[in-house]
Amino acid sequence: NNRKFNLIISPTANLRVSIDTILKYNLKEGLVLSESDL
């Protein structure tokens, strides 16, 4: 599914999101997320 992605989040959490979510929140490798962001 090329519209779905796995976010590998430190230390051990993984999160599956859509391309729409990635674009809306400008998600990228190295981005630091707070609990409220998540």
PDB file of all heavy atoms in Angstrom:
ATOM      1  N   ASN A   1       0.854  -1.184   0.000  1.00  0.00           N
ATOM      2  CA  ASN A   1       0.000   0.000   0.000  1.00  0.00           C
ATOM      3  C   ASN A   1       0.888   1.231   0.000  1.00  0.00           C
ATOM      4  O   ASN A   1       1.439   1.609   1.034  1.00  0.00           O
ATOM      5  CB  ASN A   1      -0.925  -0.001   1.219  1.00  0.00           C
ATOM      6  CG  ASN A   1      -1.982   1.098   1.152  1.00  0.00           C
ATOM      7  OD1 ASN A   1      -1.817   2.086   0.436  1.00  0.00           O
ATOM      8  ND2 ASN A   1      -3.055   0.948   1.902  1.00  0.00           N
ATOM      9  N   ASN A   2       1.030   1.867  -1.156  1.00  0.00           N
ATOM     10  CA  ASN A   2       1.950   3.001  -1.266  1.00  0.00           C
ATOM     11  C   ASN A   2       1.411   4.272  -0.630  1.00  0.00           C
ATOM     12  O   ASN A   2       2.074   5.308  -0.658  1.00  0.00           O
ATOM     13  CB  ASN A   2       2.316   3.257  -2.732  1.00  0.00           C
ATOM     14  CG  ASN A   2       1.114   3.557  -3.601  1.00  0.00           C
ATOM     15  OD1 ASN A   2       0.004   3.773  -3.113  1.00  0.00           O
ATOM     16  ND2 ASN A   2       1.320   3.566  -4.916  1.00  0.00           N
ATOM     17  N   ARG A   3       0.202   4.196  -0.039  1.00  0.00           N
ATOM     18  CA  ARG A   3      -0.335   5.363   0.679  1.00  0.00           C
ATOM     19  C   ARG A   3      -0.202   5.226   2.197  1.00  0.00           C
ATOM     20  O   ARG A   3      -0.612   6.103   2.938  1.00  0.00           O
ATOM     21  CB  ARG A   3      -1.815   5.577   0.314  1.00  0.00           C
ATOM     22  CG  ARG A   3      -2.027   6.077  -1.108  1.00  0.00           C
ATOM     23  CD  ARG A   3      -3.493   6.394  -1.362  1.00  0.00           C
ATOM     24  NE  ARG A   3      -4.045   7.326  -0.395  1.00  0.00           N
ATOM     25  CZ  ARG A   3      -3.878   8.650  -0.432  1.00  0.00           C
ATOM     26  NH1 ARG A   3      -3.167   9.196  -1.405  1.00  0.00           N
ATOM     27  NH2 ARG A   3      -4.426   9.422   0.480  1.00  0.00           N
ATOM     28  N   LYS A   4       0.383   4.121   2.635  1.00  0.00           N
ATOM     29  CA  LYS A   4       0.573   3.884   4.063  1.00  0.00           C
ATOM     30  C   LYS A   4       2.057   3.756   4.394  1.00  0.00           C
ATOM     31  O   LYS A   4       2.831   3.200   3.621  1.00  0.00           O
ATOM     32  CB  LYS A   4      -0.157   2.606   4.497  1.00  0.00           C
ATOM     33  CG  LYS A   4      -1.670   2.666   4.362  1.00  0.00           C
ATOM     34  CD  LYS A   4      -2.289   3.565   5.412  1.00  0.00           C
ATOM     35  CE  LYS A   4      -3.819   3.513   5.340  1.00  0.00           C
ATOM     36  NZ  LYS A   4      -4.435   4.360   6.392  1.00  0.00           N
ATOM     37  N   PHE A   5       2.418   4.270   5.588  1.00  0.00           N
ATOM     38  CA  PHE A   5       3.819   4.257   6.007  1.00  0.00           C
ATOM     39  C   PHE A   5       3.926   3.853   7.474  1.00  0.00           C
ATOM     40  O   PHE A   5       3.021   4.123   8.270  1.00  0.00           O
ATOM     41  CB  PHE A   5       4.438   5.655   5.836  1.00  0.00           C
ATOM     42  CG  PHE A   5       4.492   6.126   4.411  1.00  0.00           C
ATOM     43  CD1 PHE A   5       3.375   6.647   3.786  1.00  0.00           C
ATOM     44  CD2 PHE A   5       5.675   6.035   3.688  1.00  0.00           C
ATOM     45  CE1 PHE A   5       3.416   7.069   2.465  1.00  0.00           C
ATOM     46  CE2 PHE A   5       5.731   6.466   2.368  1.00  0.00           C
ATOM     47  CZ  PHE A   5       4.601   6.980   1.758  1.00  0.00           C
ATOM     48  N   ASN A   6       5.050   3.206   7.809  1.00  0.00           N
ATOM     49  CA  ASN A   6       5.366   2.918   9.203  1.00  0.00           C
ATOM     50  C   ASN A   6       6.336   3.969   9.713  1.00  0.00           C
ATOM     51  O   ASN A   6       7.404   4.179   9.116  1.00  0.00           O
ATOM     52  CB  ASN A   6       6.010   1.529   9.337  1.00  0.00           C
ATOM     53  CG  ASN A   6       4.976   0.433   9.486  1.00  0.00           C
ATOM     54  OD1 ASN A   6       3.882   0.661   9.988  1.00  0.00           O
ATOM     55  ND2 ASN A   6       5.323  -0.768   9.051  1.00  0.00           N
ATOM     56  N   LEU A   7       5.946   4.635  10.797  1.00  0.00           N
ATOM     57  CA  LEU A   7       6.869   5.551  11.471  1.00  0.00           C
ATOM     58  C   LEU A   7       7.599   4.755  12.543  1.00  0.00           C
ATOM     59  O   LEU A   7       6.967   4.186  13.434  1.00  0.00           O
ATOM     60  CB  LEU A   7       6.115   6.717  12.119  1.00  0.00           C
ATOM     61  CG  LEU A   7       5.248   7.620  11.233  1.00  0.00           C
ATOM     62  CD1 LEU A   7       4.738   8.793  12.052  1.00  0.00           C
ATOM     63  CD2 LEU A   7       6.011   8.100  10.016  1.00  0.00           C
ATOM     64  N   ILE A   8       8.932   4.701  12.468  1.00  0.00           N
ATOM     65  CA  ILE A   8       9.737   4.039  13.491  1.00  0.00           C
ATOM     66  C   ILE A   8      10.132   5.114  14.487  1.00  0.00           C
ATOM     67  O   ILE A   8      10.913   6.019  14.178  1.00  0.00           O
ATOM     68  CB  ILE A   8      10.988   3.374  12.894  1.00  0.00           C
ATOM     69  CG1 ILE A   8      10.604   2.500  11.685  1.00  0.00           C
ATOM     70  CG2 ILE A   8      11.704   2.549  13.951  1.00  0.00           C
ATOM     71  CD1 ILE A   8       9.581   1.434  12.002  1.00  0.00           C
ATOM     72  N   ILE A   9       9.539   5.045  15.671  1.00  0.00           N
ATOM     73  CA  ILE A   9       9.703   6.100  16.670  1.00  0.00           C
ATOM     74  C   ILE A   9      10.508   5.570  17.857  1.00  0.00           C
ATOM     75  O   ILE A   9      10.256   4.483  18.354  1.00  0.00           O
ATOM     76  CB  ILE A   9       8.338   6.607  17.157  1.00  0.00           C
ATOM     77  CG1 ILE A   9       7.527   7.116  15.954  1.00  0.00           C
ATOM     78  CG2 ILE A   9       8.503   7.720  18.186  1.00  0.00           C
ATOM     79  CD1 ILE A   9       6.114   7.510  16.300  1.00  0.00           C
ATOM     80  N   SER A  10      11.509   6.324  18.322  1.00  0.00           N
ATOM     81  CA  SER A  10      12.321   5.899  19.465  1.00  0.00           C
ATOM     82  C   SER A  10      11.489   5.964  20.741  1.00  0.00           C
ATOM     83  O   SER A  10      10.584   6.783  20.851  1.00  0.00           O
ATOM     84  CB  SER A  10      13.546   6.806  19.587  1.00  0.00           C
ATOM     85  OG  SER A  10      13.141   8.160  19.822  1.00  0.00           O
ATOM     86  N   PRO A  11      11.800   5.136  21.722  1.00  0.00           N
ATOM     87  CA  PRO A  11      12.823   4.089  21.653  1.00  0.00           C
ATOM     88  C   PRO A  11      12.346   2.811  20.960  1.00  0.00           C
ATOM     89  O   PRO A  11      13.114   2.143  20.292  1.00  0.00           O
ATOM     90  CB  PRO A  11      13.122   3.801  23.117  1.00  0.00           C
ATOM     91  CG  PRO A  11      11.834   4.128  23.820  1.00  0.00           C
ATOM     92  CD  PRO A  11      11.232   5.274  23.086  1.00  0.00           C
ATOM     93  N   THR A  12      11.065   2.431  21.100  1.00  0.00           N
ATOM     94  CA  THR A  12      10.622   1.153  20.528  1.00  0.00           C
ATOM     95  C   THR A  12       9.294   1.227  19.790  1.00  0.00           C
ATOM     96  O   THR A  12       8.865   0.239  19.212  1.00  0.00           O
ATOM     97  CB  THR A  12      10.467   0.100  21.653  1.00  0.00           C
ATOM     98  OG1 THR A  12       9.536   0.592  22.620  1.00  0.00           O
ATOM     99  CG2 THR A  12      11.807  -0.195  22.317  1.00  0.00           C
ATOM    100  N   ALA A  13       8.641   2.356  19.797  1.00  0.00           N
ATOM    101  CA  ALA A  13       7.282   2.459  19.256  1.00  0.00           C
ATOM    102  C   ALA A  13       7.269   2.590  17.736  1.00  0.00           C
ATOM    103  O   ALA A  13       8.123   3.260  17.148  1.00  0.00           O
ATOM    104  CB  ALA A  13       6.570   3.650  19.879  1.00  0.00           C
ATOM    105  N   ASN A  14       6.277   1.914  17.120  1.00  0.00           N
ATOM    106  CA  ASN A  14       6.010   2.046  15.684  1.00  0.00           C
ATOM    107  C   ASN A  14       4.599   2.581  15.502  1.00  0.00           C
ATOM    108  O   ASN A  14       3.708   2.277  16.295  1.00  0.00           O
ATOM    109  CB  ASN A  14       6.128   0.702  14.964  1.00  0.00           C
ATOM    110  CG  ASN A  14       7.551   0.177  14.970  1.00  0.00           C
ATOM    111  OD1 ASN A  14       8.495   0.914  15.240  1.00  0.00           O
ATOM    112  ND2 ASN A  14       7.704  -1.106  14.680  1.00  0.00           N
ATOM    113  N   LEU A  15       4.394   3.364  14.462  1.00  0.00           N
ATOM    114  CA  LEU A  15       3.070   3.940  14.207  1.00  0.00           C
ATOM    115  C   LEU A  15       2.808   3.912  12.706  1.00  0.00           C
ATOM    116  O   LEU A  15       3.640   4.388  11.922  1.00  0.00           O
ATOM    117  CB  LEU A  15       3.021   5.382  14.733  1.00  0.00           C
ATOM    118  CG  LEU A  15       1.709   6.140  14.534  1.00  0.00           C
ATOM    119  CD1 LEU A  15       0.573   5.473  15.300  1.00  0.00           C
ATOM    120  CD2 LEU A  15       1.875   7.598  14.993  1.00  0.00           C
ATOM    121  N   ARG A  16       1.677   3.343  12.297  1.00  0.00           N
ATOM    122  CA  ARG A  16       1.316   3.294  10.883  1.00  0.00           C
ATOM    123  C   ARG A  16       0.392   4.457  10.558  1.00  0.00           C
ATOM    124  O   ARG A  16      -0.634   4.638  11.216  1.00  0.00           O
ATOM    125  CB  ARG A  16       0.633   1.972  10.557  1.00  0.00           C
ATOM    126  CG  ARG A  16       0.252   1.814   9.087  1.00  0.00           C
ATOM    127  CD  ARG A  16      -0.250   0.415   8.795  1.00  0.00           C
ATOM    128  NE  ARG A  16       0.797  -0.567   9.008  1.00  0.00           N
ATOM    129  CZ  ARG A  16       0.654  -1.864   8.803  1.00  0.00           C
ATOM    130  NH1 ARG A  16      -0.518  -2.340   8.379  1.00  0.00           N
ATOM    131  NH2 ARG A  16       1.656  -2.700   9.028  1.00  0.00           N
ATOM    132  N   VAL A  17       0.767   5.251   9.545  1.00  0.00           N
ATOM    133  CA  VAL A  17      -0.025   6.428   9.176  1.00  0.00           C
ATOM    134  C   VAL A  17      -0.165   6.499   7.658  1.00  0.00           C
ATOM    135  O   VAL A  17       0.565   5.841   6.912  1.00  0.00           O
ATOM    136  CB  VAL A  17       0.616   7.733   9.689  1.00  0.00           C
ATOM    137  CG1 VAL A  17       0.686   7.730  11.211  1.00  0.00           C
ATOM    138  CG2 VAL A  17       2.005   7.929   9.088  1.00  0.00           C
ATOM    139  N   SER A  18      -1.098   7.344   7.214  1.00  0.00           N
ATOM    140  CA  SER A  18      -1.325   7.526   5.778  1.00  0.00           C
ATOM    141  C   SER A  18      -0.458   8.656   5.245  1.00  0.00           C
ATOM    142  O   SER A  18       0.093   9.467   5.996  1.00  0.00           O
ATOM    143  CB  SER A  18      -2.799   7.858   5.521  1.00  0.00           C
ATOM    144  OG  SER A  18      -3.098   9.148   6.027  1.00  0.00           O
ATOM    145  N   ILE A  19      -0.369   8.744   3.925  1.00  0.00           N
ATOM    146  CA  ILE A  19       0.378   9.821   3.284  1.00  0.00           C
ATOM    147  C   ILE A  19      -0.239  11.176   3.611  1.00  0.00           C
ATOM    148  O   ILE A  19       0.461  12.179   3.738  1.00  0.00           O
ATOM    149  CB  ILE A  19       0.436   9.610   1.748  1.00  0.00           C
ATOM    150  CG1 ILE A  19       1.265  10.695   1.070  1.00  0.00           C
ATOM    151  CG2 ILE A  19      -0.971   9.553   1.154  1.00  0.00           C
ATOM    152  CD1 ILE A  19       2.717  10.695   1.461  1.00  0.00           C
ATOM    153  N   ASP A  20      -1.574  11.203   3.785  1.00  0.00           N
ATOM    154  CA  ASP A  20      -2.251  12.464   4.139  1.00  0.00           C
ATOM    155  C   ASP A  20      -1.778  12.985   5.491  1.00  0.00           C
ATOM    156  O   ASP A  20      -1.599  14.195   5.669  1.00  0.00           O
ATOM    157  CB  ASP A  20      -3.771  12.251   4.175  1.00  0.00           C
ATOM    158  CG  ASP A  20      -4.311  11.788   2.833  1.00  0.00           C
ATOM    159  OD1 ASP A  20      -4.077  12.497   1.846  1.00  0.00           O
ATOM    160  OD2 ASP A  20      -4.945  10.731   2.776  1.00  0.00           O
ATOM    161  N   THR A  21      -1.570  12.076   6.434  1.00  0.00           N
ATOM    162  CA  THR A  21      -1.098  12.467   7.767  1.00  0.00           C
ATOM    163  C   THR A  21       0.343  12.977   7.695  1.00  0.00           C
ATOM    164  O   THR A  21       0.687  13.979   8.333  1.00  0.00           O
ATOM    165  CB  THR A  21      -1.180  11.264   8.733  1.00  0.00           C
ATOM    166  OG1 THR A  21      -2.518  10.786   8.760  1.00  0.00           O
ATOM    167  CG2 THR A  21      -0.764  11.667  10.144  1.00  0.00           C
ATOM    168  N   ILE A  22       1.165  12.313   6.918  1.00  0.00           N
ATOM    169  CA  ILE A  22       2.560  12.738   6.760  1.00  0.00           C
ATOM    170  C   ILE A  22       2.634  14.138   6.171  1.00  0.00           C
ATOM    171  O   ILE A  22       3.400  14.995   6.642  1.00  0.00           O
ATOM    172  CB  ILE A  22       3.330  11.734   5.879  1.00  0.00           C
ATOM    173  CG1 ILE A  22       3.545  10.439   6.654  1.00  0.00           C
ATOM    174  CG2 ILE A  22       4.671  12.312   5.424  1.00  0.00           C
ATOM    175  CD1 ILE A  22       4.212   9.339   5.862  1.00  0.00           C
ATOM    176  N   LEU A  23       1.810  14.396   5.165  1.00  0.00           N
ATOM    177  CA  LEU A  23       1.824  15.713   4.524  1.00  0.00           C
ATOM    178  C   LEU A  23       1.260  16.795   5.441  1.00  0.00           C
ATOM    179  O   LEU A  23       1.801  17.915   5.491  1.00  0.00           O
ATOM    180  CB  LEU A  23       1.024  15.660   3.222  1.00  0.00           C
ATOM    181  CG  LEU A  23       1.622  14.779   2.107  1.00  0.00           C
ATOM    182  CD1 LEU A  23       0.668  14.706   0.923  1.00  0.00           C
ATOM    183  CD2 LEU A  23       2.976  15.324   1.670  1.00  0.00           C
ATOM    184  N   LYS A  24       0.177  16.463   6.155  1.00  0.00           N
ATOM    185  CA  LYS A  24      -0.441  17.470   7.029  1.00  0.00           C
ATOM    186  C   LYS A  24       0.509  17.920   8.139  1.00  0.00           C
ATOM    187  O   LYS A  24       0.605  19.116   8.444  1.00  0.00           O
ATOM    188  CB  LYS A  24      -1.726  16.926   7.649  1.00  0.00           C
ATOM    189  CG  LYS A  24      -2.390  17.912   8.627  1.00  0.00           C
ATOM    190  CD  LYS A  24      -3.704  17.401   9.148  1.00  0.00           C
ATOM    191  CE  LYS A  24      -4.299  18.351  10.191  1.00  0.00           C
ATOM    192  NZ  LYS A  24      -4.566  19.707   9.642  1.00  0.00           N
ATOM    193  N   TYR A  25       1.219  16.964   8.739  1.00  0.00           N
ATOM    194  CA  TYR A  25       2.088  17.287   9.880  1.00  0.00           C
ATOM    195  C   TYR A  25       3.561  17.400   9.488  1.00  0.00           C
ATOM    196  O   TYR A  25       4.410  17.545  10.354  1.00  0.00           O
ATOM    197  CB  TYR A  25       1.905  16.233  10.978  1.00  0.00           C
ATOM    198  CG  TYR A  25       0.552  16.322  11.645  1.00  0.00           C
ATOM    199  CD1 TYR A  25      -0.501  15.504  11.238  1.00  0.00           C
ATOM    200  CD2 TYR A  25       0.322  17.245  12.661  1.00  0.00           C
ATOM    201  CE1 TYR A  25      -1.745  15.597  11.838  1.00  0.00           C
ATOM    202  CE2 TYR A  25      -0.927  17.342  13.270  1.00  0.00           C
ATOM    203  CZ  TYR A  25      -1.958  16.514  12.842  1.00  0.00           C
ATOM    204  OH  TYR A  25      -3.190  16.612  13.447  1.00  0.00           O
ATOM    205  N   ASN A  26       3.825  17.342   8.168  1.00  0.00           N
ATOM    206  CA  ASN A  26       5.199  17.486   7.666  1.00  0.00           C
ATOM    207  C   ASN A  26       6.164  16.540   8.402  1.00  0.00           C
ATOM    208  O   ASN A  26       7.239  16.944   8.856  1.00  0.00           O
ATOM    209  CB  ASN A  26       5.670  18.944   7.819  1.00  0.00           C
ATOM    210  CG  ASN A  26       6.928  19.234   7.010  1.00  0.00           C
ATOM    211  OD1 ASN A  26       7.207  18.566   6.016  1.00  0.00           O
ATOM    212  ND2 ASN A  26       7.703  20.213   7.462  1.00  0.00           N
ATOM    213  N   LEU A  27       5.742  15.290   8.505  1.00  0.00           N
ATOM    214  CA  LEU A  27       6.544  14.311   9.232  1.00  0.00           C
ATOM    215  C   LEU A  27       7.773  13.909   8.410  1.00  0.00           C
ATOM    216  O   LEU A  27       7.693  13.692   7.209  1.00  0.00           O
ATOM    217  CB  LEU A  27       5.702  13.071   9.543  1.00  0.00           C
ATOM    218  CG  LEU A  27       4.420  13.324  10.351  1.00  0.00           C
ATOM    219  CD1 LEU A  27       3.668  12.015  10.565  1.00  0.00           C
ATOM    220  CD2 LEU A  27       4.741  13.988  11.685  1.00  0.00           C
ATOM    221  N   LYS A  28       8.903  13.795   9.106  1.00  0.00           N
ATOM    222  CA  LYS A  28      10.155  13.405   8.444  1.00  0.00           C
ATOM    223  C   LYS A  28      11.110  12.816   9.467  1.00  0.00           C
ATOM    224  O   LYS A  28      10.927  12.977  10.685  1.00  0.00           O
ATOM    225  CB  LYS A  28      10.800  14.623   7.773  1.00  0.00           C
ATOM    226  CG  LYS A  28      11.019  15.809   8.708  1.00  0.00           C
ATOM    227  CD  LYS A  28      11.423  17.041   7.933  1.00  0.00           C
ATOM    228  CE  LYS A  28      11.541  18.256   8.861  1.00  0.00           C
ATOM    229  NZ  LYS A  28      11.911  19.476   8.107  1.00  0.00           N
ATOM    230  N   GLU A  29      12.100  12.111   8.976  1.00  0.00           N
ATOM    231  CA  GLU A  29      13.078  11.484   9.868  1.00  0.00           C
ATOM    232  C   GLU A  29      13.813  12.541  10.677  1.00  0.00           C
ATOM    233  O   GLU A  29      14.186  13.594  10.163  1.00  0.00           O
ATOM    234  CB  GLU A  29      14.075  10.653   9.053  1.00  0.00           C
ATOM    235  CG  GLU A  29      13.453   9.449   8.387  1.00  0.00           C
ATOM    236  CD  GLU A  29      14.470   8.621   7.614  1.00  0.00           C
ATOM    237  OE1 GLU A  29      15.688   8.889   7.742  1.00  0.00           O
ATOM    238  OE2 GLU A  29      14.057   7.704   6.880  1.00  0.00           O
ATOM    239  N   GLY A  30      13.978  12.265  11.962  1.00  0.00           N
ATOM    240  CA  GLY A  30      14.661  13.198  12.850  1.00  0.00           C
ATOM    241  C   GLY A  30      13.738  14.173  13.560  1.00  0.00           C
ATOM    242  O   GLY A  30      14.157  14.883  14.480  1.00  0.00           O
ATOM    243  N   LEU A  31      12.480  14.216  13.159  1.00  0.00           N
ATOM    244  CA  LEU A  31      11.529  15.140  13.782  1.00  0.00           C
ATOM    245  C   LEU A  31      11.206  14.675  15.194  1.00  0.00           C
ATOM    246  O   LEU A  31      10.924  13.502  15.435  1.00  0.00           O
ATOM    247  CB  LEU A  31      10.250  15.207  12.956  1.00  0.00           C
ATOM    248  CG  LEU A  31       9.189  16.205  13.437  1.00  0.00           C
ATOM    249  CD1 LEU A  31       9.707  17.640  13.321  1.00  0.00           C
ATOM    250  CD2 LEU A  31       7.911  16.050  12.622  1.00  0.00           C
ATOM    251  N   VAL A  32      11.241  15.595  16.149  1.00  0.00           N
ATOM    252  CA  VAL A  32      10.937  15.294  17.543  1.00  0.00           C
ATOM    253  C   VAL A  32       9.466  15.608  17.812  1.00  0.00           C
ATOM    254  O   VAL A  32       9.002  16.711  17.520  1.00  0.00           O
ATOM    255  CB  VAL A  32      11.844  16.112  18.499  1.00  0.00           C
ATOM    256  CG1 VAL A  32      11.483  15.821  19.961  1.00  0.00           C
ATOM    257  CG2 VAL A  32      13.305  15.787  18.240  1.00  0.00           C
ATOM    258  N   LEU A  33       8.765  14.629  18.371  1.00  0.00           N
ATOM    259  CA  LEU A  33       7.338  14.770  18.629  1.00  0.00           C
ATOM    260  C   LEU A  33       7.054  14.733  20.127  1.00  0.00           C
ATOM    261  O   LEU A  33       7.566  13.873  20.840  1.00  0.00           O
ATOM    262  CB  LEU A  33       6.573  13.631  17.955  1.00  0.00           C
ATOM    263  CG  LEU A  33       6.762  13.469  16.445  1.00  0.00           C
ATOM    264  CD1 LEU A  33       6.096  12.184  15.977  1.00  0.00           C
ATOM    265  CD2 LEU A  33       6.230  14.664  15.693  1.00  0.00           C
ATOM    266  N   SER A  34       6.204  15.640  20.576  1.00  0.00           N
ATOM    267  CA  SER A  34       5.749  15.611  21.964  1.00  0.00           C
ATOM    268  C   SER A  34       4.588  14.635  22.081  1.00  0.00           C
ATOM    269  O   SER A  34       4.071  14.151  21.075  1.00  0.00           O
ATOM    270  CB  SER A  34       5.305  17.010  22.403  1.00  0.00           C
ATOM    271  OG  SER A  34       4.102  17.372  21.733  1.00  0.00           O
ATOM    272  N   GLU A  35       4.161  14.365  23.306  1.00  0.00           N
ATOM    273  CA  GLU A  35       3.006  13.480  23.509  1.00  0.00           C
ATOM    274  C   GLU A  35       1.755  14.067  22.865  1.00  0.00           C
ATOM    275  O   GLU A  35       0.949  13.344  22.275  1.00  0.00           O
ATOM    276  CB  GLU A  35       2.774  13.261  25.014  1.00  0.00           C
ATOM    277  CG  GLU A  35       3.831  12.415  25.698  1.00  0.00           C
ATOM    278  CD  GLU A  35       3.835  10.988  25.173  1.00  0.00           C
ATOM    279  OE1 GLU A  35       2.748  10.450  24.868  1.00  0.00           O
ATOM    280  OE2 GLU A  35       4.926  10.415  25.051  1.00  0.00           O
ATOM    281  N   SER A  36       1.596  15.386  22.977  1.00  0.00           N
ATOM    282  CA  SER A  36       0.411  16.013  22.371  1.00  0.00           C
ATOM    283  C   SER A  36       0.469  15.947  20.846  1.00  0.00           C
ATOM    284  O   SER A  36      -0.560  15.808  20.174  1.00  0.00           O
ATOM    285  CB  SER A  36       0.278  17.468  22.829  1.00  0.00           C
ATOM    286  OG  SER A  36       1.413  18.223  22.438  1.00  0.00           O
ATOM    287  N   ASP A  37       1.689  16.053  20.294  1.00  0.00           N
ATOM    288  CA  ASP A  37       1.849  15.886  18.844  1.00  0.00           C
ATOM    289  C   ASP A  37       1.380  14.507  18.417  1.00  0.00           C
ATOM    290  O   ASP A  37       0.630  14.351  17.441  1.00  0.00           O
ATOM    291  CB  ASP A  37       3.318  16.049  18.444  1.00  0.00           C
ATOM    292  CG  ASP A  37       3.825  17.467  18.575  1.00  0.00           C
ATOM    293  OD1 ASP A  37       2.998  18.401  18.515  1.00  0.00           O
ATOM    294  OD2 ASP A  37       5.043  17.635  18.738  1.00  0.00           O
ATOM    295  N   LEU A  38       1.827  13.481  19.138  1.00  0.00           N
ATOM    296  CA  LEU A  38       1.474  12.104  18.813  1.00  0.00           C
ATOM    297  C   LEU A  38      -0.033  11.882  18.907  1.00  0.00           C
ATOM    298  O   LEU A  38      -0.633  11.213  18.056  1.00  0.00           O
ATOM    299  CB  LEU A  38       2.208  11.129  19.737  1.00  0.00           C
ATOM    300  CG  LEU A  38       3.684  10.862  19.392  1.00  0.00           C
ATOM    301  CD1 LEU A  38       4.347  10.045  20.492  1.00  0.00           C
ATOM    302  CD2 LEU A  38       3.795  10.137  18.060  1.00  0.00           C
TER     303      LEU A  38
END
